[in-house]
């Protein structure tokens, strides 16, 4: 009877050989991942999406009375896609929808989808941003740069909407 001892052996593999083993042998995957990079093994990183969150917490706008819910914990499933991380974010989302309806009124009854032509370099689209450094609204216009905001056909209509609905704009811009 021979004396058996545990001996550690080293096997040399190049990246191609390791990649082939990784694809074929589930038992070796952990060892190979320890010694080779994902790139060497040909592993494409899986994009991290909203569904990977598993749980989301925050507030949402009630579909019944448009009130903001209290913070809660939700599974990240389709019915919970409207959950904002904070109460301020939920209020901003609600305000944006309200302002889009007001903008439609000011923009001759047309939605942005109906009147904005992003390929038209002569068509001005007016919007407002808040300058925290100067603590005031700034009115801007663009021809071809699209940002997620509320657009108006004229600066005058935008200024009137802001003047008539200051609290709503404060909620939307998160300055309240």
Protein backbone atom coordinates (compact mmCIF):
# COMPACT_ATOMS: atom_id res chain seq x y z
CA UNK A 1 0.00 0.00 0.00
CA UNK A 2 1.37 3.27 -1.08
CA UNK A 3 1.44 6.47 0.87
CA UNK A 4 -1.11 8.93 -0.59
CA UNK A 5 -0.56 12.63 -0.06
CA UNK A 6 -2.43 15.59 -1.38
CA UNK A 7 -0.36 17.30 -3.98
CA UNK A 8 -1.23 20.56 -5.66
CA UNK A 9 -0.66 20.63 -9.38
CA UNK A 10 -0.53 23.57 -11.71
CA UNK A 11 -2.08 23.50 -15.14
CA UNK A 12 -1.16 26.18 -17.64
CA UNK A 13 -3.90 27.45 -19.94
CA UNK A 14 -3.95 30.24 -22.42
CA UNK A 15 -7.00 32.51 -22.66
CA UNK A 16 -8.50 30.57 -25.58
CA UNK A 17 -8.23 27.27 -23.75
CA UNK A 18 -9.71 28.80 -20.60
CA UNK A 19 -12.58 30.28 -22.61
CA UNK A 20 -13.34 26.88 -24.16
CA UNK A 21 -13.32 25.23 -20.72
CA UNK A 22 -15.47 27.99 -19.25
CA UNK A 23 -18.11 27.44 -21.93
CA UNK A 24 -18.12 23.64 -21.48
CA UNK A 25 -17.49 22.84 -17.82
CA UNK A 26 -19.73 24.30 -15.10
CA UNK A 27 -17.53 22.84 -12.35
CA UNK A 28 -14.47 24.80 -13.50
CA UNK A 29 -16.20 28.16 -13.98
CA UNK A 30 -15.46 29.51 -10.49
CA UNK A 31 -11.77 28.59 -10.72
CA UNK A 32 -11.45 30.05 -14.19
CA UNK A 33 -13.19 33.27 -13.14
CA UNK A 34 -10.64 33.57 -10.33
CA UNK A 35 -7.68 33.32 -12.70
CA UNK A 36 -8.94 35.01 -15.88
CA UNK A 37 -10.77 38.25 -16.55
CA UNK A 38 -14.32 38.31 -17.94
CA UNK A 39 -12.88 39.75 -21.14
CA UNK A 40 -10.37 36.90 -21.49
CA UNK A 41 -13.15 34.35 -21.00
CA UNK A 42 -15.41 36.12 -23.50
CA UNK A 43 -18.03 36.94 -20.89
CA UNK A 44 -20.08 39.92 -21.86
CA UNK A 45 -21.25 41.84 -18.82
CA UNK A 46 -25.01 41.69 -18.40
CA UNK A 47 -26.52 45.18 -18.45
CA UNK A 48 -28.01 46.22 -15.13
CA UNK A 49 -31.61 47.26 -15.68
CA UNK A 50 -34.52 48.45 -13.59
CA UNK A 51 -35.76 44.85 -13.24
CA UNK A 52 -32.45 43.85 -11.58
CA UNK A 53 -33.24 46.10 -8.61
CA UNK A 54 -35.61 43.46 -7.14
CA UNK A 55 -37.10 46.05 -4.76
CA UNK A 56 -37.67 49.78 -5.08
CA UNK A 57 -38.67 52.20 -2.37
CA UNK A 58 -40.19 55.60 -2.56
CA UNK A 59 -43.40 57.43 -3.36
CA UNK A 60 -45.89 57.45 -6.19
CA UNK A 61 -48.75 59.56 -7.46
CA UNK A 62 -52.08 57.92 -6.68
CA UNK A 63 -54.19 57.24 -9.74
CA UNK A 64 -57.33 57.81 -7.69
CA UNK A 65 -56.79 61.27 -6.23
CA UNK A 66 -53.31 62.35 -7.48
CA UNK A 67 -52.01 62.45 -3.91
CA UNK A 68 -48.42 61.49 -3.22
CA UNK A 69 -48.16 58.21 -1.33
CA UNK A 70 -46.03 57.76 1.75
CA UNK A 71 -42.67 56.04 1.29
CA UNK A 72 -43.00 52.31 0.96
CA UNK A 73 -41.18 49.24 -0.38
CA UNK A 74 -42.25 47.62 -3.65
CA UNK A 75 -41.14 44.74 -5.86
CA UNK A 76 -39.61 45.96 -9.11
CA UNK A 77 -42.39 44.68 -11.33
CA UNK A 78 -44.19 46.51 -14.11
CA UNK A 79 -47.05 47.93 -12.01
CA UNK A 80 -44.47 49.70 -9.83
CA UNK A 81 -42.60 51.54 -12.60
CA UNK A 82 -44.14 54.81 -11.42
CA UNK A 83 -42.46 54.70 -7.99
CA UNK A 84 -40.16 57.69 -7.53
CA UNK A 85 -37.26 57.46 -5.05
CA UNK A 86 -38.44 60.47 -3.01
CA UNK A 87 -41.57 62.47 -2.33
CA UNK A 88 -39.95 65.46 -4.06
CA UNK A 89 -39.35 63.35 -7.19
CA UNK A 90 -42.96 62.14 -7.18
CA UNK A 91 -44.23 65.72 -6.88
CA UNK A 92 -41.94 66.77 -9.74
CA UNK A 93 -43.29 63.98 -11.93
CA UNK A 94 -46.89 64.95 -11.17
CA UNK A 95 -46.10 68.62 -11.85
CA UNK A 96 -44.48 67.80 -15.20
CA UNK A 97 -47.63 66.02 -16.38
CA UNK A 98 -49.72 68.99 -15.32
CA UNK A 99 -47.35 71.42 -17.08
CA UNK A 100 -47.41 69.35 -20.26
CA UNK A 101 -51.20 69.77 -20.27
CA UNK A 102 -50.82 73.52 -19.74
CA UNK A 103 -48.17 73.69 -22.48
CA UNK A 104 -50.61 71.98 -24.85
CA UNK A 105 -53.08 74.79 -24.12
CA UNK A 106 -50.47 77.48 -24.79
CA UNK A 107 -49.13 75.68 -27.86
CA UNK A 108 -52.36 76.06 -29.83
CA UNK A 109 -53.81 72.79 -28.52
CA UNK A 110 -50.88 70.77 -29.88
CA UNK A 111 -48.76 68.30 -27.94
CA UNK A 112 -44.98 68.48 -28.29
CA UNK A 113 -45.17 65.39 -30.48
CA UNK A 114 -47.48 67.29 -32.85
CA UNK A 115 -45.67 70.62 -33.14
CA UNK A 116 -41.97 70.02 -32.46
CA UNK A 117 -39.79 69.17 -35.45
CA UNK A 118 -36.30 68.41 -34.13
CA UNK A 119 -34.97 68.42 -37.69
CA UNK A 120 -36.06 72.06 -38.18
CA UNK A 121 -33.10 74.24 -37.21
CA UNK A 122 -35.25 77.37 -37.51
CA UNK A 123 -37.98 76.29 -35.09
CA UNK A 124 -37.31 77.62 -31.58
CA UNK A 125 -38.46 75.57 -28.61
CA UNK A 126 -38.61 77.55 -25.34
CA UNK A 127 -38.04 76.05 -21.89
CA UNK A 128 -37.07 77.06 -18.36
CA UNK A 129 -34.36 75.80 -16.03
CA UNK A 130 -33.54 76.82 -12.49
CA UNK A 131 -30.13 78.32 -11.72
CA UNK A 132 -29.32 77.36 -8.13
CA UNK A 133 -26.26 79.61 -8.07
CA UNK A 134 -28.31 82.72 -8.89
CA UNK A 135 -31.47 81.32 -7.24
CA UNK A 136 -33.73 82.12 -10.19
CA UNK A 137 -35.34 80.73 -13.32
CA UNK A 138 -33.57 81.07 -16.66
CA UNK A 139 -35.58 81.11 -19.85
CA UNK A 140 -33.85 79.44 -22.79
CA UNK A 141 -34.59 78.28 -26.28
CA UNK A 142 -33.16 75.57 -28.45
CA UNK A 143 -33.38 74.53 -32.06
CA UNK A 144 -31.93 71.03 -32.11
CA UNK A 145 -30.87 69.99 -28.59
CA UNK A 146 -33.51 67.88 -26.89
CA UNK A 147 -33.62 67.60 -23.10
CA UNK A 148 -36.44 66.11 -21.02
CA UNK A 149 -38.41 69.23 -20.19
CA UNK A 150 -41.60 71.13 -21.07
CA UNK A 151 -41.40 73.16 -24.28
CA UNK A 152 -43.37 76.18 -25.48
CA UNK A 153 -43.66 77.73 -28.94
CA UNK A 154 -43.04 81.26 -27.64
CA UNK A 155 -41.05 82.77 -24.80
CA UNK A 156 -44.03 84.94 -23.88
CA UNK A 157 -46.32 81.92 -23.40
CA UNK A 158 -43.66 80.20 -21.29
CA UNK A 159 -43.20 83.28 -19.10
CA UNK A 160 -46.97 83.65 -18.68
CA UNK A 161 -47.33 79.98 -17.70
CA UNK A 162 -44.54 80.37 -15.12
CA UNK A 163 -46.07 83.57 -13.75
CA UNK A 164 -49.56 82.01 -13.55
CA UNK A 165 -48.36 78.73 -11.98
CA UNK A 166 -45.29 79.50 -9.82
CA UNK A 167 -45.90 76.73 -7.25
CA UNK A 168 -46.33 74.11 -9.95
CA UNK A 169 -43.06 75.15 -11.62
CA UNK A 170 -41.29 75.06 -8.24
CA UNK A 171 -42.47 71.49 -7.70
CA UNK A 172 -41.47 70.50 -11.24
CA UNK A 173 -38.00 72.07 -10.96
CA UNK A 174 -37.62 70.71 -7.40
CA UNK A 175 -36.95 74.15 -5.95
CA UNK A 176 -39.75 73.95 -3.39
